[in-house]
Amino acid sequence: MLRYSITFLIIAIIAAILGFGGIAGAAAGIAQILFVLFLILFVVSLIFGRRRAV
């Protein structure tokens, strides 16, 4: 999921450089949503992973 977030971020940067504002904004929004989702799932996996070890 982090890989998809970085991919959309790169697409947004390239689109912004080439002047495609709408595509850049959409790709940046998708990258932001995927990154937040990644962080949430990462924290949840850390919490549940520690519970099983104890």
Protein backbone atom coordinates (compact mmCIF):
# COMPACT_ATOMS: atom_id res chain seq x y z
CA MET A 1 0.00 0.00 0.00
CA LEU A 2 2.89 2.34 0.70
CA ARG A 3 4.19 1.54 -2.79
CA TYR A 4 0.90 2.68 -4.34
CA SER A 5 0.99 5.86 -2.30
CA ILE A 6 4.49 6.70 -3.51
CA THR A 7 3.51 5.84 -7.09
CA PHE A 8 0.56 8.23 -7.02
CA LEU A 9 2.76 10.91 -5.46
CA ILE A 10 5.28 10.58 -8.30
CA ILE A 11 2.45 10.73 -10.84
CA ALA A 12 1.17 13.89 -9.15
CA ILE A 13 4.59 15.52 -9.24
CA ILE A 14 5.12 14.68 -12.92
CA ALA A 15 1.63 15.87 -13.83
CA ALA A 16 2.18 19.13 -11.94
CA ILE A 17 5.47 19.74 -13.75
CA LEU A 18 3.78 19.15 -17.10
CA GLY A 19 0.90 21.48 -16.19
CA PHE A 20 -1.93 19.01 -15.69
CA GLY A 21 -3.39 20.54 -12.54
CA GLY A 22 -6.53 18.42 -12.29
CA ILE A 23 -4.70 15.14 -12.67
CA ALA A 24 -2.00 16.28 -10.25
CA GLY A 25 -4.58 17.22 -7.62
CA ALA A 26 -6.45 13.96 -7.99
CA ALA A 27 -3.28 11.86 -7.82
CA ALA A 28 -2.07 13.79 -4.77
CA GLY A 29 -5.42 13.24 -3.05
CA ILE A 30 -5.30 9.52 -3.74
CA ALA A 31 -1.70 9.36 -2.49
CA GLN A 32 -2.70 11.13 0.73
CA ILE A 33 -5.63 8.77 1.36
CA LEU A 34 -3.50 5.70 0.74
CA PHE A 35 -0.74 6.97 3.02
CA VAL A 36 -3.16 7.62 5.89
CA LEU A 37 -4.71 4.18 5.38
CA PHE A 38 -1.23 2.65 5.43
CA LEU A 39 -0.41 4.41 8.70
CA ILE A 40 -3.64 3.24 10.33
CA LEU A 41 -3.10 -0.37 9.28
CA PHE A 42 0.54 -0.23 10.39
CA VAL A 43 -0.39 0.98 13.88
CA VAL A 44 -3.16 -1.62 14.19
CA SER A 45 -0.77 -4.40 13.16
CA LEU A 46 1.78 -3.21 15.72
CA ILE A 47 -0.81 -3.23 18.49
CA PHE A 48 -2.21 -6.67 17.68
CA GLY A 49 1.24 -8.10 16.99
CA ARG A 50 2.41 -7.16 20.49
CA ARG A 51 -0.66 -8.70 22.08
CA ARG A 52 -0.01 -12.11 20.60
CA ALA A 53 3.64 -12.08 21.70
CA VAL A 54 2.75 -11.55 25.36
